[in-house]
Amino acid sequence: MSYKSSLVKMAIKLAPIKLFTWVANFKLKGIAELAALNFDIEERKFYIQVQLFGEQEAIEVWIEDFAIINEEEAYHFLVQKAESNKPWLNNLLSLITGKAWKIPVIPQMAAHLELIAELLATPKVEPQEDQLD
């Protein structure tokens, strides 16, 4: 992992969720309110709870095992597991889970996409040797 991506990972871990929530709620004023947010880049887990104005119940979404895969000069976004507390949203999420979605590369954003791909790359699992007793 590069120095740059390590620094960005540390910044994400240290970023105050309350500040992000405040900014999001400022932008979503009159539409929705971000009630809860949890993002763990190491565990590849994301949780969000949004209360739409005029709705009784909040929408909750859990996403796990997401990654960006770099294959042959193309980037793909992959979500392995996603669920919600709303049946209609579960149906929608089932259409995108388990599939690799190609990310279009805009030349001006290519360097940023490389960094994001490095941050969200699938973790490499080292093969473990059998230990003799």
C-alpha atoms as a PDB file:
ATOM      1  CA  MET A   1       0.000   0.000   0.000  1.00  0.00           C
ATOM      2  CA  SER A   2       1.358   3.398  -0.926  1.00  0.00           C
ATOM      3  CA  TYR A   3       2.138   6.173   1.505  1.00  0.00           C
ATOM      4  CA  LYS A   4      -0.645   8.307   0.012  1.00  0.00           C
ATOM      5  CA  SER A   5      -3.329   5.659   0.449  1.00  0.00           C
ATOM      6  CA  SER A   6      -2.153   4.923   4.007  1.00  0.00           C
ATOM      7  CA  LEU A   7      -2.483   8.613   4.819  1.00  0.00           C
ATOM      8  CA  VAL A   8      -5.974   8.796   3.305  1.00  0.00           C
ATOM      9  CA  LYS A   9      -7.025   5.646   5.210  1.00  0.00           C
ATOM     10  CA  MET A  10      -5.854   7.220   8.461  1.00  0.00           C
ATOM     11  CA  ALA A  11      -7.740  10.442   7.652  1.00  0.00           C
ATOM     12  CA  ILE A  12     -10.927   8.454   7.002  1.00  0.00           C
ATOM     13  CA  LYS A  13     -10.565   6.678  10.352  1.00  0.00           C
ATOM     14  CA  LEU A  14      -9.990   9.966  12.185  1.00  0.00           C
ATOM     15  CA  ALA A  15     -12.632  11.994  10.338  1.00  0.00           C
ATOM     16  CA  PRO A  16     -15.360  13.180  12.690  1.00  0.00           C
ATOM     17  CA  ILE A  17     -18.645  11.530  11.718  1.00  0.00           C
ATOM     18  CA  LYS A  18     -20.571  14.378  13.363  1.00  0.00           C
ATOM     19  CA  LEU A  19     -18.998  16.899  10.980  1.00  0.00           C
ATOM     20  CA  PHE A  20     -19.848  14.773   7.953  1.00  0.00           C
ATOM     21  CA  THR A  21     -23.407  14.303   9.261  1.00  0.00           C
ATOM     22  CA  TRP A  22     -23.797  18.055   9.793  1.00  0.00           C
ATOM     23  CA  VAL A  23     -22.620  18.852   6.241  1.00  0.00           C
ATOM     24  CA  ALA A  24     -24.856  16.153   4.743  1.00  0.00           C
ATOM     25  CA  ASN A  25     -27.868  17.393   6.703  1.00  0.00           C
ATOM     26  CA  PHE A  26     -27.145  20.960   5.609  1.00  0.00           C
ATOM     27  CA  LYS A  27     -27.159  19.864   1.948  1.00  0.00           C
ATOM     28  CA  LEU A  28     -30.221  17.603   2.397  1.00  0.00           C
ATOM     29  CA  LYS A  29     -32.258  20.241   4.261  1.00  0.00           C
ATOM     30  CA  GLY A  30     -35.938  19.904   3.375  1.00  0.00           C
ATOM     31  CA  ILE A  31     -35.425  16.488   1.751  1.00  0.00           C
ATOM     32  CA  ALA A  32     -33.981  14.131   4.325  1.00  0.00           C
ATOM     33  CA  GLU A  33     -31.975  13.910   7.523  1.00  0.00           C
ATOM     34  CA  LEU A  34     -28.949  11.685   7.946  1.00  0.00           C
ATOM     35  CA  ALA A  35     -29.622  10.045  11.300  1.00  0.00           C
ATOM     36  CA  ALA A  36     -26.708   7.606  11.524  1.00  0.00           C
ATOM     37  CA  LEU A  37     -23.591   6.713   9.585  1.00  0.00           C
ATOM     38  CA  ASN A  38     -20.879   4.140  10.116  1.00  0.00           C
ATOM     39  CA  PHE A  39     -18.082   3.400   7.643  1.00  0.00           C
ATOM     40  CA  ASP A  40     -15.307   0.892   8.315  1.00  0.00           C
ATOM     41  CA  ILE A  41     -12.813   0.783   5.468  1.00  0.00           C
ATOM     42  CA  GLU A  42     -10.826  -2.093   6.987  1.00  0.00           C
ATOM     43  CA  GLU A  43     -13.831  -4.374   7.508  1.00  0.00           C
ATOM     44  CA  ARG A  44     -15.498  -3.185   4.279  1.00  0.00           C
ATOM     45  CA  LYS A  45     -18.741  -2.299   6.048  1.00  0.00           C
ATOM     46  CA  PHE A  46     -21.035   0.669   5.546  1.00  0.00           C
ATOM     47  CA  TYR A  47     -24.239   1.548   7.407  1.00  0.00           C
ATOM     48  CA  ILE A  48     -26.492   4.528   6.864  1.00  0.00           C
ATOM     49  CA  GLN A  49     -29.826   5.576   8.333  1.00  0.00           C
ATOM     50  CA  VAL A  50     -31.770   8.317   6.554  1.00  0.00           C
ATOM     51  CA  GLN A  51     -35.083   9.832   7.584  1.00  0.00           C
ATOM     52  CA  LEU A  52     -36.970  11.188   4.573  1.00  0.00           C
ATOM     53  CA  PHE A  53     -39.199  14.132   5.405  1.00  0.00           C
ATOM     54  CA  GLY A  54     -42.842  13.103   5.521  1.00  0.00           C
ATOM     55  CA  GLU A  55     -42.051   9.422   6.103  1.00  0.00           C
ATOM     56  CA  GLN A  56     -42.772   7.622   9.366  1.00  0.00           C
ATOM     57  CA  GLU A  57     -39.912   5.135   9.373  1.00  0.00           C
ATOM     58  CA  ALA A  58     -36.235   5.747   8.577  1.00  0.00           C
ATOM     59  CA  ILE A  59     -34.482   3.912   5.754  1.00  0.00           C
ATOM     60  CA  GLU A  60     -31.536   1.796   6.870  1.00  0.00           C
ATOM     61  CA  VAL A  61     -28.952   0.292   4.524  1.00  0.00           C
ATOM     62  CA  TRP A  62     -26.143  -2.145   5.366  1.00  0.00           C
ATOM     63  CA  ILE A  63     -23.439  -2.831   2.780  1.00  0.00           C
ATOM     64  CA  GLU A  64     -20.640  -5.353   3.324  1.00  0.00           C
ATOM     65  CA  ASP A  65     -17.728  -6.705   1.315  1.00  0.00           C
ATOM     66  CA  PHE A  66     -17.379  -3.952  -1.259  1.00  0.00           C
ATOM     67  CA  ALA A  67     -14.288  -3.359  -3.380  1.00  0.00           C
ATOM     68  CA  ILE A  68     -12.901  -1.766  -6.500  1.00  0.00           C
ATOM     69  CA  ILE A  69     -11.156  -4.207  -8.805  1.00  0.00           C
ATOM     70  CA  ASN A  70      -8.550  -3.067 -11.321  1.00  0.00           C
ATOM     71  CA  GLU A  71      -8.449  -5.415 -14.319  1.00  0.00           C
ATOM     72  CA  GLU A  72      -6.710  -4.690 -17.608  1.00  0.00           C
ATOM     73  CA  GLU A  73      -6.878  -0.889 -17.387  1.00  0.00           C
ATOM     74  CA  ALA A  74     -10.537  -0.995 -16.332  1.00  0.00           C
ATOM     75  CA  TYR A  75     -12.022  -0.463 -12.886  1.00  0.00           C
ATOM     76  CA  HIS A  76     -15.042  -2.347 -11.552  1.00  0.00           C
ATOM     77  CA  PHE A  77     -17.076  -1.759  -8.386  1.00  0.00           C
ATOM     78  CA  LEU A  78     -18.268  -4.878  -6.594  1.00  0.00           C
ATOM     79  CA  VAL A  79     -20.721  -5.203  -3.692  1.00  0.00           C
ATOM     80  CA  GLN A  80     -21.084  -8.704  -2.249  1.00  0.00           C
ATOM     81  CA  LYS A  81     -23.803  -8.055   0.334  1.00  0.00           C
ATOM     82  CA  ALA A  82     -26.346  -5.266   0.714  1.00  0.00           C
ATOM     83  CA  GLU A  83     -29.628  -5.159   2.598  1.00  0.00           C
ATOM     84  CA  SER A  84     -32.170  -2.693   3.886  1.00  0.00           C
ATOM     85  CA  ASN A  85     -35.130  -2.491   6.205  1.00  0.00           C
ATOM     86  CA  LYS A  86     -37.369  -1.732   3.198  1.00  0.00           C
ATOM     87  CA  PRO A  87     -38.515  -4.610   0.926  1.00  0.00           C
ATOM     88  CA  TRP A  88     -38.551  -2.412  -2.192  1.00  0.00           C
ATOM     89  CA  LEU A  89     -34.969  -1.321  -1.514  1.00  0.00           C
ATOM     90  CA  ASN A  90     -33.880  -4.929  -0.883  1.00  0.00           C
ATOM     91  CA  ASN A  91     -35.249  -5.810  -4.334  1.00  0.00           C
ATOM     92  CA  LEU A  92     -33.289  -2.942  -5.868  1.00  0.00           C
ATOM     93  CA  LEU A  93     -30.102  -3.847  -3.992  1.00  0.00           C
ATOM     94  CA  SER A  94     -30.399  -7.487  -5.132  1.00  0.00           C
ATOM     95  CA  LEU A  95     -29.998  -6.253  -8.715  1.00  0.00           C
ATOM     96  CA  ILE A  96     -26.561  -4.769  -8.009  1.00  0.00           C
ATOM     97  CA  THR A  97     -25.022  -7.208  -5.517  1.00  0.00           C
ATOM     98  CA  GLY A  98     -22.626  -9.876  -6.679  1.00  0.00           C
ATOM     99  CA  LYS A  99     -21.935  -8.145  -9.993  1.00  0.00           C
ATOM    100  CA  ALA A 100     -18.904  -6.169 -11.073  1.00  0.00           C
ATOM    101  CA  TRP A 101     -20.001  -2.754 -12.367  1.00  0.00           C
ATOM    102  CA  LYS A 102     -17.599  -1.018 -14.731  1.00  0.00           C
ATOM    103  CA  ILE A 103     -16.539   2.433 -13.577  1.00  0.00           C
ATOM    104  CA  PRO A 104     -16.056   4.856 -16.463  1.00  0.00           C
ATOM    105  CA  VAL A 105     -12.653   6.536 -16.280  1.00  0.00           C
ATOM    106  CA  ILE A 106     -12.611  10.251 -16.980  1.00  0.00           C
ATOM    107  CA  PRO A 107      -9.033  11.251 -17.919  1.00  0.00           C
ATOM    108  CA  GLN A 108      -8.974  14.160 -15.447  1.00  0.00           C
ATOM    109  CA  MET A 109     -10.038  11.801 -12.631  1.00  0.00           C
ATOM    110  CA  ALA A 110      -7.792   8.826 -13.502  1.00  0.00           C
ATOM    111  CA  ALA A 111      -5.211   9.589 -10.788  1.00  0.00           C
ATOM    112  CA  HIS A 112      -7.938   9.885  -8.154  1.00  0.00           C
ATOM    113  CA  LEU A 113      -9.547   6.642  -9.288  1.00  0.00           C
ATOM    114  CA  GLU A 114      -6.210   4.863  -8.898  1.00  0.00           C
ATOM    115  CA  LEU A 115      -5.997   6.048  -5.287  1.00  0.00           C
ATOM    116  CA  ILE A 116      -9.608   5.072  -4.537  1.00  0.00           C
ATOM    117  CA  ALA A 117      -9.037   1.671  -6.152  1.00  0.00           C
ATOM    118  CA  GLU A 118      -5.986   1.162  -3.955  1.00  0.00           C
ATOM    119  CA  LEU A 119      -7.982   2.105  -0.853  1.00  0.00           C
ATOM    120  CA  LEU A 120     -10.861  -0.225  -1.716  1.00  0.00           C
ATOM    121  CA  ALA A 121      -8.905  -3.053  -3.339  1.00  0.00           C
ATOM    122  CA  THR A 122      -9.813  -6.551  -2.272  1.00  0.00           C
ATOM    123  CA  PRO A 123      -7.549  -7.556   0.585  1.00  0.00           C
ATOM    124  CA  LYS A 124      -4.883 -10.066  -0.369  1.00  0.00           C
ATOM    125  CA  VAL A 125      -5.095 -13.201   1.719  1.00  0.00           C
ATOM    126  CA  GLU A 126      -1.807 -14.882   2.389  1.00  0.00           C
ATOM    127  CA  PRO A 127      -1.965 -18.678   2.143  1.00  0.00           C
ATOM    128  CA  GLN A 128      -1.332 -20.261   5.504  1.00  0.00           C
ATOM    129  CA  GLU A 129       1.014 -23.164   5.833  1.00  0.00           C
ATOM    130  CA  ASP A 130      -0.113 -26.206   7.729  1.00  0.00           C
ATOM    131  CA  GLN A 131       1.594 -26.429  11.067  1.00  0.00           C
ATOM    132  CA  LEU A 132       2.938 -29.738  12.206  1.00  0.00           C
ATOM    133  CA  ASP A 133       2.412 -30.817  15.792  1.00  0.00           C
END
